[in-house]
Amino acid sequence: MEKVCSVLLIGCNLPRENTSNNSLYSTLWTQHSAEFEALTIQIYNTAERMLPIALEDNQWTASLDQGENYESLPPAIIMDLDETAIDNSFYQARYILDENCQSADSITKR
């Protein structure tokens, strides 16, 4: 007599994880986590530590598409004004609670 081994694949039909609250979870993480605050502080500390090194070397540039003769230009600090510089998490939380469509008008009205 032959023995047959069968495997039941139940895992294929497991319900998908509910990802509808990802925006909420990420906003709460930004507002309350010690990790976000520590990472932000680390970013600025690294920039502060690297600034004197960059200023001493006139060949140093952060721009990969820097044109010619940039060595004679005065130094400039260029920042991406993201969550590390501007805390927009309160707007994001209000947006989630109101379930409004985000638009440029909604940002200026708050």
Protein backbone atom coordinates (compact mmCIF):
# COMPACT_ATOMS: atom_id res chain seq x y z
CA MET A 1 0.00 0.00 0.00
CA GLU A 2 1.30 3.44 -0.93
CA LYS A 3 1.34 6.21 1.61
CA VAL A 4 0.42 9.65 0.36
CA CYS A 5 1.50 12.75 2.22
CA SER A 6 -0.59 15.83 1.64
CA VAL A 7 0.07 19.33 2.87
CA LEU A 8 -2.69 21.77 3.58
CA LEU A 9 -1.71 25.33 2.70
CA ILE A 10 -3.82 27.44 5.00
CA GLY A 11 -1.43 30.39 4.96
CA CYS A 12 -2.30 31.29 1.38
CA ASN A 13 -5.70 32.67 2.32
CA LEU A 14 -4.80 34.57 5.45
CA PRO A 15 -6.39 38.01 5.59
CA ARG A 16 -4.11 40.87 4.66
CA GLU A 17 -2.89 43.17 7.36
CA ASN A 18 -4.99 46.31 7.66
CA THR A 19 -2.71 49.09 6.44
CA SER A 20 -5.35 51.83 6.43
CA ASN A 21 -3.85 53.41 9.54
CA ASN A 22 -0.25 53.65 8.35
CA SER A 23 -0.48 57.43 8.19
CA LEU A 24 -1.83 57.55 11.73
CA TYR A 25 0.86 55.20 13.04
CA SER A 26 3.68 57.14 11.37
CA THR A 27 2.32 60.46 12.66
CA LEU A 28 2.10 59.12 16.20
CA TRP A 29 5.62 57.70 15.92
CA THR A 30 6.93 61.09 14.78
CA GLN A 31 5.18 62.89 17.63
CA HIS A 32 5.97 60.51 20.49
CA SER A 33 8.99 58.31 19.80
CA ALA A 34 12.32 58.83 21.47
CA GLU A 35 13.93 57.31 18.36
CA PHE A 36 12.67 60.10 16.08
CA GLU A 37 13.99 62.75 18.45
CA ALA A 38 17.34 60.95 18.80
CA LEU A 39 17.71 60.56 15.02
CA THR A 40 16.91 64.23 14.47
CA ILE A 41 19.48 65.30 17.06
CA GLN A 42 22.04 62.95 15.51
CA ILE A 43 21.47 64.45 12.04
CA TYR A 44 22.10 67.99 13.26
CA ASN A 45 25.09 66.96 15.41
CA THR A 46 26.68 65.27 12.40
CA ALA A 47 26.08 68.33 10.25
CA GLU A 48 27.60 70.56 12.94
CA ARG A 49 30.64 68.28 13.18
CA MET A 50 31.13 68.18 9.40
CA LEU A 51 30.64 71.90 8.73
CA PRO A 52 34.16 73.05 9.76
CA ILE A 53 35.70 70.27 7.66
CA ALA A 54 33.65 71.31 4.63
CA LEU A 55 34.49 75.01 5.10
CA GLU A 56 38.23 74.31 5.25
CA ASP A 57 38.23 72.49 1.89
CA ASN A 58 37.20 74.78 -0.99
CA GLN A 59 37.06 71.73 -3.30
CA TRP A 60 34.32 70.18 -1.16
CA THR A 61 30.78 70.41 -2.49
CA ALA A 62 27.53 68.73 -1.53
CA SER A 63 26.09 69.21 -5.00
CA LEU A 64 26.93 66.49 -7.51
CA ASP A 65 26.03 68.78 -10.40
CA GLN A 66 28.09 71.75 -9.16
CA GLY A 67 29.25 73.91 -12.06
CA GLU A 68 32.75 75.12 -12.77
CA ASN A 69 34.56 77.70 -10.62
CA TYR A 70 32.47 76.97 -7.55
CA GLU A 71 35.60 77.22 -5.39
CA SER A 72 35.38 81.02 -5.43
CA LEU A 73 31.71 81.14 -4.43
CA PRO A 74 30.77 81.79 -0.78
CA PRO A 75 29.64 78.74 1.19
CA ALA A 76 25.93 78.04 1.47
CA ILE A 77 23.91 75.72 3.66
CA ILE A 78 21.09 74.02 1.79
CA MET A 79 18.45 72.15 3.74
CA ASP A 80 15.45 70.04 2.90
CA LEU A 81 12.73 71.49 5.11
CA ASP A 82 11.29 68.15 6.16
CA GLU A 83 10.07 66.90 9.54
CA THR A 84 13.51 67.37 11.09
CA ALA A 85 13.31 71.15 10.56
CA ILE A 86 9.58 71.88 10.57
CA ASP A 87 7.17 69.87 12.71
CA ASN A 88 4.12 69.35 10.52
CA SER A 89 2.87 66.37 12.52
CA PHE A 90 0.09 68.39 14.15
CA TYR A 91 -1.25 69.35 10.72
CA GLN A 92 -0.96 65.71 9.64
CA ALA A 93 -2.85 64.56 12.76
CA ARG A 94 -5.63 67.09 12.09
CA TYR A 95 -5.75 65.95 8.47
CA ILE A 96 -6.18 62.33 9.58
CA LEU A 97 -8.91 63.24 12.08
CA ASP A 98 -10.80 65.40 9.59
CA GLU A 99 -10.33 62.91 6.73
CA ASN A 100 -9.90 65.81 4.34
CA CYS A 101 -8.14 65.70 1.03
CA GLN A 102 -4.73 67.26 1.47
CA SER A 103 -4.20 70.23 -0.78
CA ALA A 104 -2.14 73.39 -0.79
CA ASP A 105 -5.26 75.32 0.31
CA SER A 106 -5.74 73.10 3.36
CA ILE A 107 -2.19 73.75 4.52
CA THR A 108 -2.51 77.56 4.33
CA LYS A 109 -5.93 77.61 6.03
CA ARG A 110 -4.71 75.96 9.23
